[in-house]
């Protein structure tokens, strides 16, 4: 049904191929999930990804076409996307082929670990879209800084320290506040994100709020002055 063309990615248990549908000639991505003989059935991460993507229908979420079950592997069939953010970062200092960028639409992909997160850093008990705006702020900061992480860290304590050093005080306003070192207010964004202009830094500050209630909403972010001169391709 599908003709493999080239391997485009590989992980510990997964391999991704670019392929062509022999009947429709549509380009697709095949994600092979290797099935271990010792495992009890299909890996839970593959089941989670399949179930979530079957429910999600949006132009900014990668389309899920089909699932094929074999003896040694499970094959998930997705729409083929020409580029991901990591590839884009890697190409920032070189020539970028317009064919690869296509129409500039961003899509969410890889829901293998798409499960409710019950262990956010500051202990929020109600996980809502406002917490996701923090994630959007981190990605925005990384985009503005050519792929450099905003608060790189390997453990929770160090991560908290780095966040507090960047954002300064205000933690006493959080419910169930616990004492943390009171770092002075800082103009961190000027140094951490030197390529962002004033409106860009203002947007980032509104996304990076320790208290999720204070985070700007997605709709408010889209109407922020930073995007006023945005020209869609």
C-alpha atoms as a PDB file:
ATOM      1  CA  UNK A   1       0.000   0.000   0.000  1.00  0.00           C
ATOM      2  CA  UNK A   2       2.907   2.351   0.756  1.00  0.00           C
ATOM      3  CA  UNK A   3       6.314   2.602  -0.885  1.00  0.00           C
ATOM      4  CA  UNK A   4       9.149   3.626   1.438  1.00  0.00           C
ATOM      5  CA  UNK A   5      11.314   6.385  -0.028  1.00  0.00           C
ATOM      6  CA  UNK A   6      13.783   7.355   2.696  1.00  0.00           C
ATOM      7  CA  UNK A   7      14.379   7.240   6.434  1.00  0.00           C
ATOM      8  CA  UNK A   8      13.836  10.645   8.026  1.00  0.00           C
ATOM      9  CA  UNK A   9      14.140   9.886  11.738  1.00  0.00           C
ATOM     10  CA  UNK A  10      14.985   7.225  14.280  1.00  0.00           C
ATOM     11  CA  UNK A  11      14.651   6.675  18.020  1.00  0.00           C
ATOM     12  CA  UNK A  12      15.143   3.826  20.465  1.00  0.00           C
ATOM     13  CA  UNK A  13      11.883   2.108  19.581  1.00  0.00           C
ATOM     14  CA  UNK A  14      10.679   4.051  16.541  1.00  0.00           C
ATOM     15  CA  UNK A  15      11.788   4.672  12.983  1.00  0.00           C
ATOM     16  CA  UNK A  16      10.134   7.219  10.687  1.00  0.00           C
ATOM     17  CA  UNK A  17      10.113   6.929   6.903  1.00  0.00           C
ATOM     18  CA  UNK A  18       8.959   9.184   4.120  1.00  0.00           C
ATOM     19  CA  UNK A  19       6.675   7.103   1.894  1.00  0.00           C
ATOM     20  CA  UNK A  20       4.234   7.341  -0.993  1.00  0.00           C
ATOM     21  CA  UNK A  21       0.728   5.954  -1.148  1.00  0.00           C
ATOM     22  CA  UNK A  22       0.831   3.694  -4.209  1.00  0.00           C
ATOM     23  CA  UNK A  23      -2.811   4.353  -5.045  1.00  0.00           C
ATOM     24  CA  UNK A  24      -3.166   8.107  -4.463  1.00  0.00           C
ATOM     25  CA  UNK A  25       0.551   9.066  -4.777  1.00  0.00           C
ATOM     26  CA  UNK A  26       0.178  11.136  -1.610  1.00  0.00           C
ATOM     27  CA  UNK A  27       3.336  11.610   0.446  1.00  0.00           C
ATOM     28  CA  UNK A  28       3.004  10.298   3.995  1.00  0.00           C
ATOM     29  CA  UNK A  29       5.160   9.634   7.044  1.00  0.00           C
ATOM     30  CA  UNK A  30       5.314   6.070   8.348  1.00  0.00           C
ATOM     31  CA  UNK A  31       6.225   5.679  12.002  1.00  0.00           C
ATOM     32  CA  UNK A  32       7.366   2.125  12.710  1.00  0.00           C
ATOM     33  CA  UNK A  33       6.995   1.119  16.361  1.00  0.00           C
ATOM     34  CA  UNK A  34       9.040  -1.989  17.097  1.00  0.00           C
ATOM     35  CA  UNK A  35       7.214  -4.615  19.153  1.00  0.00           C
ATOM     36  CA  UNK A  36       9.392  -6.457  21.660  1.00  0.00           C
ATOM     37  CA  UNK A  37       8.682 -10.176  22.004  1.00  0.00           C
ATOM     38  CA  UNK A  38       8.691  -9.747  25.779  1.00  0.00           C
ATOM     39  CA  UNK A  39       6.151  -6.929  25.756  1.00  0.00           C
ATOM     40  CA  UNK A  40       2.508  -7.539  26.507  1.00  0.00           C
ATOM     41  CA  UNK A  41       0.915  -6.215  23.341  1.00  0.00           C
ATOM     42  CA  UNK A  42       1.239  -2.738  21.821  1.00  0.00           C
ATOM     43  CA  UNK A  43       3.292  -0.142  23.784  1.00  0.00           C
ATOM     44  CA  UNK A  44       1.090   2.220  25.791  1.00  0.00           C
ATOM     45  CA  UNK A  45       2.762   5.266  24.212  1.00  0.00           C
ATOM     46  CA  UNK A  46       1.677   4.107  20.737  1.00  0.00           C
ATOM     47  CA  UNK A  47      -1.875   3.496  21.955  1.00  0.00           C
ATOM     48  CA  UNK A  48      -1.970   6.956  23.561  1.00  0.00           C
ATOM     49  CA  UNK A  49      -0.747   8.624  20.393  1.00  0.00           C
ATOM     50  CA  UNK A  50      -3.248   6.745  18.227  1.00  0.00           C
ATOM     51  CA  UNK A  51      -6.218   7.479  20.491  1.00  0.00           C
ATOM     52  CA  UNK A  52      -5.375  11.167  20.871  1.00  0.00           C
ATOM     53  CA  UNK A  53      -4.749  11.826  17.185  1.00  0.00           C
ATOM     54  CA  UNK A  54      -7.953  10.042  16.136  1.00  0.00           C
ATOM     55  CA  UNK A  55      -9.862  12.610  18.196  1.00  0.00           C
ATOM     56  CA  UNK A  56      -7.906  15.712  17.137  1.00  0.00           C
ATOM     57  CA  UNK A  57      -8.870  17.375  13.860  1.00  0.00           C
ATOM     58  CA  UNK A  58      -7.194  20.748  13.347  1.00  0.00           C
ATOM     59  CA  UNK A  59      -5.134  22.381  10.617  1.00  0.00           C
ATOM     60  CA  UNK A  60      -2.285  22.920  13.084  1.00  0.00           C
ATOM     61  CA  UNK A  61      -2.148  19.303  14.251  1.00  0.00           C
ATOM     62  CA  UNK A  62      -0.529  16.695  12.053  1.00  0.00           C
ATOM     63  CA  UNK A  63      -3.186  14.508  10.399  1.00  0.00           C
ATOM     64  CA  UNK A  64      -3.379  10.862  11.416  1.00  0.00           C
ATOM     65  CA  UNK A  65      -4.370   8.605   8.502  1.00  0.00           C
ATOM     66  CA  UNK A  66      -4.187   4.971   9.548  1.00  0.00           C
ATOM     67  CA  UNK A  67      -2.624   2.305  11.753  1.00  0.00           C
ATOM     68  CA  UNK A  68      -1.270  -1.006  10.442  1.00  0.00           C
ATOM     69  CA  UNK A  69      -0.549  -3.881  12.828  1.00  0.00           C
ATOM     70  CA  UNK A  70       2.052  -6.529  12.011  1.00  0.00           C
ATOM     71  CA  UNK A  71       3.760  -9.318  13.947  1.00  0.00           C
ATOM     72  CA  UNK A  72       6.944  -7.390  14.719  1.00  0.00           C
ATOM     73  CA  UNK A  73       5.915  -3.767  14.292  1.00  0.00           C
ATOM     74  CA  UNK A  74       3.069  -1.287  14.485  1.00  0.00           C
ATOM     75  CA  UNK A  75       2.943   1.288  11.684  1.00  0.00           C
ATOM     76  CA  UNK A  76       1.310   4.681  12.231  1.00  0.00           C
ATOM     77  CA  UNK A  77       0.550   6.623   9.047  1.00  0.00           C
ATOM     78  CA  UNK A  78       0.641  10.441   9.191  1.00  0.00           C
ATOM     79  CA  UNK A  79       0.559  13.319   6.770  1.00  0.00           C
ATOM     80  CA  UNK A  80       4.076  14.181   5.635  1.00  0.00           C
ATOM     81  CA  UNK A  81       5.483  17.470   6.964  1.00  0.00           C
ATOM     82  CA  UNK A  82       8.477  18.861   5.120  1.00  0.00           C
ATOM     83  CA  UNK A  83      10.198  20.506   8.080  1.00  0.00           C
ATOM     84  CA  UNK A  84      10.273  20.599  11.863  1.00  0.00           C
ATOM     85  CA  UNK A  85      11.562  23.324  14.173  1.00  0.00           C
ATOM     86  CA  UNK A  86      14.828  21.545  14.867  1.00  0.00           C
ATOM     87  CA  UNK A  87      15.554  21.284  11.143  1.00  0.00           C
ATOM     88  CA  UNK A  88      14.723  24.968  10.839  1.00  0.00           C
ATOM     89  CA  UNK A  89      17.109  25.911  13.640  1.00  0.00           C
ATOM     90  CA  UNK A  90      19.839  23.829  12.021  1.00  0.00           C
ATOM     91  CA  UNK A  91      19.266  25.690   8.744  1.00  0.00           C
ATOM     92  CA  UNK A  92      19.123  29.217  10.179  1.00  0.00           C
ATOM     93  CA  UNK A  93      22.718  30.012   9.286  1.00  0.00           C
ATOM     94  CA  UNK A  94      22.570  28.478   5.827  1.00  0.00           C
ATOM     95  CA  UNK A  95      20.409  28.495   2.728  1.00  0.00           C
ATOM     96  CA  UNK A  96      16.789  27.628   3.400  1.00  0.00           C
ATOM     97  CA  UNK A  97      14.954  26.023   0.504  1.00  0.00           C
ATOM     98  CA  UNK A  98      11.480  27.641   0.069  1.00  0.00           C
ATOM     99  CA  UNK A  99      10.140  24.258  -1.046  1.00  0.00           C
ATOM    100  CA  UNK A 100      10.995  22.825   2.357  1.00  0.00           C
ATOM    101  CA  UNK A 101       9.284  25.636   4.269  1.00  0.00           C
ATOM    102  CA  UNK A 102       6.144  25.361   2.090  1.00  0.00           C
ATOM    103  CA  UNK A 103       3.292  27.608   3.303  1.00  0.00           C
ATOM    104  CA  UNK A 104       4.597  28.372   6.784  1.00  0.00           C
ATOM    105  CA  UNK A 105       1.885  26.479   8.683  1.00  0.00           C
ATOM    106  CA  UNK A 106       3.020  25.068  12.009  1.00  0.00           C
ATOM    107  CA  UNK A 107       1.686  21.700  13.158  1.00  0.00           C
ATOM    108  CA  UNK A 108       1.842  19.853  16.469  1.00  0.00           C
ATOM    109  CA  UNK A 109       3.082  16.296  16.238  1.00  0.00           C
ATOM    110  CA  UNK A 110       4.270  13.338  18.324  1.00  0.00           C
ATOM    111  CA  UNK A 111       1.681  12.641  20.995  1.00  0.00           C
ATOM    112  CA  UNK A 112       3.357   9.458  22.231  1.00  0.00           C
ATOM    113  CA  UNK A 113       3.534  10.927  25.727  1.00  0.00           C
ATOM    114  CA  UNK A 114       0.285  12.861  25.458  1.00  0.00           C
ATOM    115  CA  UNK A 115      -0.928  12.180  28.989  1.00  0.00           C
ATOM    116  CA  UNK A 116      -2.186  14.512  31.748  1.00  0.00           C
ATOM    117  CA  UNK A 117       0.759  16.050  33.577  1.00  0.00           C
ATOM    118  CA  UNK A 118       0.219  15.919  37.330  1.00  0.00           C
ATOM    119  CA  UNK A 119       3.602  17.223  38.371  1.00  0.00           C
ATOM    120  CA  UNK A 120       4.054  20.799  37.128  1.00  0.00           C
ATOM    121  CA  UNK A 121       6.922  22.656  38.781  1.00  0.00           C
ATOM    122  CA  UNK A 122       4.929  25.069  40.930  1.00  0.00           C
ATOM    123  CA  UNK A 123       2.345  22.516  42.026  1.00  0.00           C
ATOM    124  CA  UNK A 124      -0.711  23.815  40.151  1.00  0.00           C
ATOM    125  CA  UNK A 125      -3.606  21.430  40.749  1.00  0.00           C
ATOM    126  CA  UNK A 126      -5.804  22.657  37.902  1.00  0.00           C
ATOM    127  CA  UNK A 127      -4.112  22.072  34.551  1.00  0.00           C
ATOM    128  CA  UNK A 128      -5.603  24.486  32.030  1.00  0.00           C
ATOM    129  CA  UNK A 129      -4.638  26.236  28.803  1.00  0.00           C
ATOM    130  CA  UNK A 130      -2.983  29.016  30.826  1.00  0.00           C
ATOM    131  CA  UNK A 131      -0.248  26.561  31.837  1.00  0.00           C
ATOM    132  CA  UNK A 132       0.224  25.685  28.176  1.00  0.00           C
ATOM    133  CA  UNK A 133       0.877  29.382  27.469  1.00  0.00           C
ATOM    134  CA  UNK A 134       4.004  29.060  29.630  1.00  0.00           C
ATOM    135  CA  UNK A 135       5.133  26.341  27.232  1.00  0.00           C
ATOM    136  CA  UNK A 136       4.330  28.653  24.324  1.00  0.00           C
ATOM    137  CA  UNK A 137       6.505  31.327  25.934  1.00  0.00           C
ATOM    138  CA  UNK A 138       9.437  28.916  26.274  1.00  0.00           C
ATOM    139  CA  UNK A 139       9.120  27.907  22.613  1.00  0.00           C
ATOM    140  CA  UNK A 140       8.810  31.565  21.560  1.00  0.00           C
ATOM    141  CA  UNK A 141      11.990  32.393  23.502  1.00  0.00           C
ATOM    142  CA  UNK A 142      13.796  29.484  21.851  1.00  0.00           C
ATOM    143  CA  UNK A 143      12.648  30.604  18.394  1.00  0.00           C
ATOM    144  CA  UNK A 144      13.838  34.148  19.050  1.00  0.00           C
ATOM    145  CA  UNK A 145      17.231  32.900  20.182  1.00  0.00           C
ATOM    146  CA  UNK A 146      17.994  30.502  17.313  1.00  0.00           C
ATOM    147  CA  UNK A 147      17.209  27.343  19.245  1.00  0.00           C
ATOM    148  CA  UNK A 148      18.882  28.126  22.572  1.00  0.00           C
ATOM    149  CA  UNK A 149      16.857  26.954  25.579  1.00  0.00           C
ATOM    150  CA  UNK A 150      15.537  29.602  27.954  1.00  0.00           C
ATOM    151  CA  UNK A 151      16.269  27.748  31.221  1.00  0.00           C
ATOM    152  CA  UNK A 152      18.389  24.685  30.436  1.00  0.00           C
ATOM    153  CA  UNK A 153      18.594  22.329  33.406  1.00  0.00           C
ATOM    154  CA  UNK A 154      18.777  18.648  34.326  1.00  0.00           C
ATOM    155  CA  UNK A 155      16.870  18.639  37.620  1.00  0.00           C
ATOM    156  CA  UNK A 156      13.824  20.259  39.198  1.00  0.00           C
ATOM    157  CA  UNK A 157      15.602  22.257  41.932  1.00  0.00           C
ATOM    158  CA  UNK A 158      18.033  23.858  39.509  1.00  0.00           C
ATOM    159  CA  UNK A 159      15.183  24.546  37.072  1.00  0.00           C
ATOM    160  CA  UNK A 160      13.222  26.389  39.763  1.00  0.00           C
ATOM    161  CA  UNK A 161      16.290  28.403  40.746  1.00  0.00           C
ATOM    162  CA  UNK A 162      16.920  29.452  37.147  1.00  0.00           C
ATOM    163  CA  UNK A 163      13.283  30.446  36.631  1.00  0.00           C
ATOM    164  CA  UNK A 164      13.258  32.552  39.801  1.00  0.00           C
ATOM    165  CA  UNK A 165      16.543  34.194  38.832  1.00  0.00           C
ATOM    166  CA  UNK A 166      14.976  35.180  35.505  1.00  0.00           C
ATOM    167  CA  UNK A 167      11.573  36.318  36.732  1.00  0.00           C
ATOM    168  CA  UNK A 168      12.520  37.819  40.093  1.00  0.00           C
ATOM    169  CA  UNK A 169      10.124  37.995  43.097  1.00  0.00           C
ATOM    170  CA  UNK A 170       6.300  37.654  42.982  1.00  0.00           C
ATOM    171  CA  UNK A 171       6.109  34.061  44.156  1.00  0.00           C
ATOM    172  CA  UNK A 172       4.339  35.110  47.399  1.00  0.00           C
ATOM    173  CA  UNK A 173       1.177  35.669  45.355  1.00  0.00           C
ATOM    174  CA  UNK A 174       0.848  31.977  44.536  1.00  0.00           C
ATOM    175  CA  UNK A 175      -1.569  29.813  46.568  1.00  0.00           C
ATOM    176  CA  UNK A 176       0.171  27.607  49.161  1.00  0.00           C
ATOM    177  CA  UNK A 177       3.338  29.669  48.785  1.00  0.00           C
ATOM    178  CA  UNK A 178       6.561  28.138  50.104  1.00  0.00           C
ATOM    179  CA  UNK A 179       9.689  30.224  50.722  1.00  0.00           C
ATOM    180  CA  UNK A 180      12.223  30.464  47.897  1.00  0.00           C
ATOM    181  CA  UNK A 181      15.313  32.675  47.585  1.00  0.00           C
ATOM    182  CA  UNK A 182      14.188  36.234  46.836  1.00  0.00           C
ATOM    183  CA  UNK A 183      16.127  37.134  43.726  1.00  0.00           C
ATOM    184  CA  UNK A 184      16.026  40.822  42.752  1.00  0.00           C
ATOM    185  CA  UNK A 185      13.975  42.062  39.823  1.00  0.00           C
ATOM    186  CA  UNK A 186      15.935  41.828  36.618  1.00  0.00           C
ATOM    187  CA  UNK A 187      15.944  43.045  33.032  1.00  0.00           C
ATOM    188  CA  UNK A 188      16.828  39.498  32.033  1.00  0.00           C
ATOM    189  CA  UNK A 189      15.080  39.535  28.674  1.00  0.00           C
ATOM    190  CA  UNK A 190      17.404  42.175  27.282  1.00  0.00           C
ATOM    191  CA  UNK A 191      20.349  39.839  27.856  1.00  0.00           C
ATOM    192  CA  UNK A 192      18.745  36.429  27.449  1.00  0.00           C
ATOM    193  CA  UNK A 193      16.827  37.400  24.311  1.00  0.00           C
ATOM    194  CA  UNK A 194      18.954  40.156  22.709  1.00  0.00           C
ATOM    195  CA  UNK A 195      17.395  39.652  19.270  1.00  0.00           C
ATOM    196  CA  UNK A 196      13.848  40.434  20.440  1.00  0.00           C
ATOM    197  CA  UNK A 197      12.584  43.992  20.104  1.00  0.00           C
ATOM    198  CA  UNK A 198      10.659  45.819  22.855  1.00  0.00           C
ATOM    199  CA  UNK A 199       7.236  44.490  21.818  1.00  0.00           C
ATOM    200  CA  UNK A 200       8.639  40.966  21.529  1.00  0.00           C
ATOM    201  CA  UNK A 201      10.022  41.127  25.058  1.00  0.00           C
ATOM    202  CA  UNK A 202       6.691  42.439  26.320  1.00  0.00           C
ATOM    203  CA  UNK A 203       4.892  39.482  24.733  1.00  0.00           C
ATOM    204  CA  UNK A 204       7.369  37.051  26.269  1.00  0.00           C
ATOM    205  CA  UNK A 205       6.978  38.620  29.719  1.00  0.00           C
ATOM    206  CA  UNK A 206       3.211  38.175  29.443  1.00  0.00           C
ATOM    207  CA  UNK A 207       3.648  34.513  28.523  1.00  0.00           C
ATOM    208  CA  UNK A 208       6.167  33.710  31.264  1.00  0.00           C
ATOM    209  CA  UNK A 209       4.134  34.181  34.438  1.00  0.00           C
ATOM    210  CA  UNK A 210       4.779  31.939  37.437  1.00  0.00           C
ATOM    211  CA  UNK A 211       1.116  32.187  38.364  1.00  0.00           C
ATOM    212  CA  UNK A 212      -0.782  30.682  35.404  1.00  0.00           C
ATOM    213  CA  UNK A 213      -3.831  32.859  36.187  1.00  0.00           C
ATOM    214  CA  UNK A 214      -1.775  35.886  35.126  1.00  0.00           C
ATOM    215  CA  UNK A 215      -0.713  34.402  31.780  1.00  0.00           C
ATOM    216  CA  UNK A 216      -1.910  36.027  28.588  1.00  0.00           C
ATOM    217  CA  UNK A 217      -4.404  33.890  26.639  1.00  0.00           C
ATOM    218  CA  UNK A 218      -3.686  32.501  23.172  1.00  0.00           C
ATOM    219  CA  UNK A 219      -6.196  34.909  21.607  1.00  0.00           C
ATOM    220  CA  UNK A 220      -4.698  37.877  23.464  1.00  0.00           C
ATOM    221  CA  UNK A 221      -1.224  36.789  22.365  1.00  0.00           C
ATOM    222  CA  UNK A 222      -2.301  36.675  18.706  1.00  0.00           C
ATOM    223  CA  UNK A 223      -3.590  40.257  18.997  1.00  0.00           C
ATOM    224  CA  UNK A 224      -0.405  41.489  20.683  1.00  0.00           C
ATOM    225  CA  UNK A 225       1.346  44.405  18.886  1.00  0.00           C
ATOM    226  CA  UNK A 226       4.323  42.115  18.194  1.00  0.00           C
ATOM    227  CA  UNK A 227       2.260  40.457  15.468  1.00  0.00           C
ATOM    228  CA  UNK A 228       0.779  43.682  14.043  1.00  0.00           C
ATOM    229  CA  UNK A 229       2.985  43.613  10.942  1.00  0.00           C
ATOM    230  CA  UNK A 230       2.737  39.849  10.433  1.00  0.00           C
ATOM    231  CA  UNK A 231       2.479  38.922   6.764  1.00  0.00           C
ATOM    232  CA  UNK A 232       1.162  35.426   6.207  1.00  0.00           C
ATOM    233  CA  UNK A 233       2.798  33.537   3.314  1.00  0.00           C
END
